[in-house]
Amino acid sequence: MDEYAWPTGPEVPASDLVRDSWEATVAALPVEARITGEVIGRQPFGVFIRIDGVPNAIALAEITAMPRGMNLPALGALVSGEVLWHAAHNHQVKVRLDERQANDQ
């Protein structure tokens, strides 16, 4: 198996659900909100996260928003962080992962 994977499978919400739920997602996850979730996709530029409690939302934690020295979390890893902003053009919640996870790697 390749170390990188796009989000796929039954746990990933369909793109139309993500798009149609965008306003509710932004309202539920304002900037600086705390999030937890599971890594559902990995790419060299970051990880995609299914956010707990917001089933039709997808978060992206880019490596530029990860703590210094943090390894890219594995598929299935549980992570936590903070909402940085909302990318309306692709309906992604941008997050910064917590510092303490850098020490757990």
C-alpha atoms as a PDB file:
ATOM      1  CA  MET A   1       0.000   0.000   0.000  1.00  0.00           C
ATOM      2  CA  ASP A   2       1.240   3.466  -0.896  1.00  0.00           C
ATOM      3  CA  GLU A   3       1.921   5.701   2.107  1.00  0.00           C
ATOM      4  CA  TYR A   4      -0.321   8.359   0.542  1.00  0.00           C
ATOM      5  CA  ALA A   5      -4.049   8.004  -0.094  1.00  0.00           C
ATOM      6  CA  TRP A   6      -6.934  10.260  -1.084  1.00  0.00           C
ATOM      7  CA  PRO A   7     -10.002  10.120   1.180  1.00  0.00           C
ATOM      8  CA  THR A   8     -12.198   7.229   0.016  1.00  0.00           C
ATOM      9  CA  GLY A   9     -14.653   4.757   1.454  1.00  0.00           C
ATOM     10  CA  PRO A  10     -18.003   4.790   3.196  1.00  0.00           C
ATOM     11  CA  GLU A  11     -16.769   7.054   6.011  1.00  0.00           C
ATOM     12  CA  VAL A  12     -16.079   9.893   3.547  1.00  0.00           C
ATOM     13  CA  PRO A  13     -19.103  12.126   2.868  1.00  0.00           C
ATOM     14  CA  ALA A  14     -20.109  12.558  -0.758  1.00  0.00           C
ATOM     15  CA  SER A  15     -18.956  15.822  -2.326  1.00  0.00           C
ATOM     16  CA  ASP A  16     -22.536  17.016  -2.839  1.00  0.00           C
ATOM     17  CA  LEU A  17     -23.252  16.535   0.893  1.00  0.00           C
ATOM     18  CA  VAL A  18     -20.102  18.476   1.793  1.00  0.00           C
ATOM     19  CA  ARG A  19     -21.097  21.291  -0.586  1.00  0.00           C
ATOM     20  CA  ASP A  20     -24.765  21.383   0.481  1.00  0.00           C
ATOM     21  CA  SER A  21     -23.777  21.431   4.175  1.00  0.00           C
ATOM     22  CA  TRP A  22     -21.136  24.142   3.795  1.00  0.00           C
ATOM     23  CA  GLU A  23     -23.061  26.965   5.521  1.00  0.00           C
ATOM     24  CA  ALA A  24     -23.886  24.684   8.473  1.00  0.00           C
ATOM     25  CA  THR A  25     -20.247  23.544   8.631  1.00  0.00           C
ATOM     26  CA  VAL A  26     -18.943  27.121   8.794  1.00  0.00           C
ATOM     27  CA  ALA A  27     -21.504  27.966  11.486  1.00  0.00           C
ATOM     28  CA  ALA A  28     -20.604  24.871  13.542  1.00  0.00           C
ATOM     29  CA  LEU A  29     -16.836  25.375  13.173  1.00  0.00           C
ATOM     30  CA  PRO A  30     -15.904  29.047  13.511  1.00  0.00           C
ATOM     31  CA  VAL A  31     -12.269  30.154  13.301  1.00  0.00           C
ATOM     32  CA  GLU A  32     -10.417  29.131  16.497  1.00  0.00           C
ATOM     33  CA  ALA A  33     -12.907  26.314  17.234  1.00  0.00           C
ATOM     34  CA  ARG A  34     -11.322  23.149  18.614  1.00  0.00           C
ATOM     35  CA  ILE A  35     -11.736  20.007  16.524  1.00  0.00           C
ATOM     36  CA  THR A  36     -10.983  16.314  16.850  1.00  0.00           C
ATOM     37  CA  GLY A  37     -11.247  13.704  14.166  1.00  0.00           C
ATOM     38  CA  GLU A  38      -9.777  10.812  12.229  1.00  0.00           C
ATOM     39  CA  VAL A  39      -7.252  11.033   9.411  1.00  0.00           C
ATOM     40  CA  ILE A  40      -9.022   9.718   6.301  1.00  0.00           C
ATOM     41  CA  GLY A  41      -6.484  10.721   3.663  1.00  0.00           C
ATOM     42  CA  ARG A  42      -2.763  11.517   3.387  1.00  0.00           C
ATOM     43  CA  GLN A  43      -0.847  13.427   0.765  1.00  0.00           C
ATOM     44  CA  PRO A  44       2.669  14.899   0.774  1.00  0.00           C
ATOM     45  CA  PHE A  45       1.127  18.327   1.470  1.00  0.00           C
ATOM     46  CA  GLY A  46      -0.986  17.293   4.494  1.00  0.00           C
ATOM     47  CA  VAL A  47      -3.804  15.152   5.873  1.00  0.00           C
ATOM     48  CA  PHE A  48      -7.563  15.108   5.381  1.00  0.00           C
ATOM     49  CA  ILE A  49      -9.646  14.721   8.533  1.00  0.00           C
ATOM     50  CA  ARG A  50     -13.229  13.652   9.162  1.00  0.00           C
ATOM     51  CA  ILE A  51     -14.342  15.971  11.964  1.00  0.00           C
ATOM     52  CA  ASP A  52     -16.116  14.462  14.966  1.00  0.00           C
ATOM     53  CA  GLY A  53     -19.669  15.764  15.362  1.00  0.00           C
ATOM     54  CA  VAL A  54     -19.825  17.374  11.908  1.00  0.00           C
ATOM     55  CA  PRO A  55     -20.370  14.408   9.587  1.00  0.00           C
ATOM     56  CA  ASN A  56     -20.481  16.295   6.283  1.00  0.00           C
ATOM     57  CA  ALA A  57     -17.299  18.286   6.871  1.00  0.00           C
ATOM     58  CA  ILE A  58     -13.776  17.580   5.662  1.00  0.00           C
ATOM     59  CA  ALA A  59     -10.765  19.279   7.223  1.00  0.00           C
ATOM     60  CA  LEU A  60      -7.312  19.683   5.756  1.00  0.00           C
ATOM     61  CA  ALA A  61      -4.219  20.109   7.913  1.00  0.00           C
ATOM     62  CA  GLU A  62      -1.435  21.181   5.573  1.00  0.00           C
ATOM     63  CA  ILE A  63       2.173  20.541   6.538  1.00  0.00           C
ATOM     64  CA  THR A  64       2.706  24.303   6.683  1.00  0.00           C
ATOM     65  CA  ALA A  65       0.180  24.410   9.557  1.00  0.00           C
ATOM     66  CA  MET A  66       1.665  21.487  11.505  1.00  0.00           C
ATOM     67  CA  PRO A  67       3.974  21.900  14.476  1.00  0.00           C
ATOM     68  CA  ARG A  68       7.677  21.922  13.648  1.00  0.00           C
ATOM     69  CA  GLY A  69       9.066  18.387  13.686  1.00  0.00           C
ATOM     70  CA  MET A  70       5.675  16.706  13.460  1.00  0.00           C
ATOM     71  CA  ASN A  71       5.419  13.676  11.201  1.00  0.00           C
ATOM     72  CA  LEU A  72       2.431  13.333   8.909  1.00  0.00           C
ATOM     73  CA  PRO A  73      -0.191  11.413  10.937  1.00  0.00           C
ATOM     74  CA  ALA A  74      -1.066   7.922   9.680  1.00  0.00           C
ATOM     75  CA  LEU A  75      -4.390   6.948   8.131  1.00  0.00           C
ATOM     76  CA  GLY A  76      -6.811   6.237  10.959  1.00  0.00           C
ATOM     77  CA  ALA A  77      -4.912   8.377  13.487  1.00  0.00           C
ATOM     78  CA  LEU A  78      -7.006  10.441  15.876  1.00  0.00           C
ATOM     79  CA  VAL A  79      -5.942  14.082  15.827  1.00  0.00           C
ATOM     80  CA  SER A  80      -6.990  17.380  17.328  1.00  0.00           C
ATOM     81  CA  GLY A  81      -6.413  20.980  16.453  1.00  0.00           C
ATOM     82  CA  GLU A  82      -7.883  24.392  15.787  1.00  0.00           C
ATOM     83  CA  VAL A  83      -9.803  25.850  12.843  1.00  0.00           C
ATOM     84  CA  LEU A  84      -7.672  28.392  10.951  1.00  0.00           C
ATOM     85  CA  TRP A  85     -10.053  29.375   8.146  1.00  0.00           C
ATOM     86  CA  HIS A  86     -12.663  28.131   5.693  1.00  0.00           C
ATOM     87  CA  ALA A  87     -11.781  27.428   2.052  1.00  0.00           C
ATOM     88  CA  ALA A  88     -15.120  28.080   0.375  1.00  0.00           C
ATOM     89  CA  HIS A  89     -13.841  27.298  -3.136  1.00  0.00           C
ATOM     90  CA  ASN A  90     -13.363  23.608  -2.240  1.00  0.00           C
ATOM     91  CA  HIS A  91     -15.455  23.398   0.946  1.00  0.00           C
ATOM     92  CA  GLN A  92     -12.574  22.486   3.256  1.00  0.00           C
ATOM     93  CA  VAL A  93     -12.033  23.507   6.843  1.00  0.00           C
ATOM     94  CA  LYS A  94      -8.347  24.369   7.245  1.00  0.00           C
ATOM     95  CA  VAL A  95      -6.903  23.341  10.608  1.00  0.00           C
ATOM     96  CA  ARG A  96      -3.662  23.524  12.557  1.00  0.00           C
ATOM     97  CA  LEU A  97      -2.845  20.343  14.460  1.00  0.00           C
ATOM     98  CA  ASP A  98      -1.891  20.461  18.140  1.00  0.00           C
ATOM     99  CA  GLU A  99       1.714  20.759  19.288  1.00  0.00           C
ATOM    100  CA  ARG A 100       1.455  17.830  21.709  1.00  0.00           C
ATOM    101  CA  GLN A 101       0.959  15.416  18.804  1.00  0.00           C
ATOM    102  CA  ALA A 102       4.400  16.358  17.493  1.00  0.00           C
ATOM    103  CA  ASN A 103       5.868  14.872  20.667  1.00  0.00           C
ATOM    104  CA  ASP A 104       3.827  11.667  20.331  1.00  0.00           C
ATOM    105  CA  GLN A 105       5.302  10.819  16.925  1.00  0.00           C
END
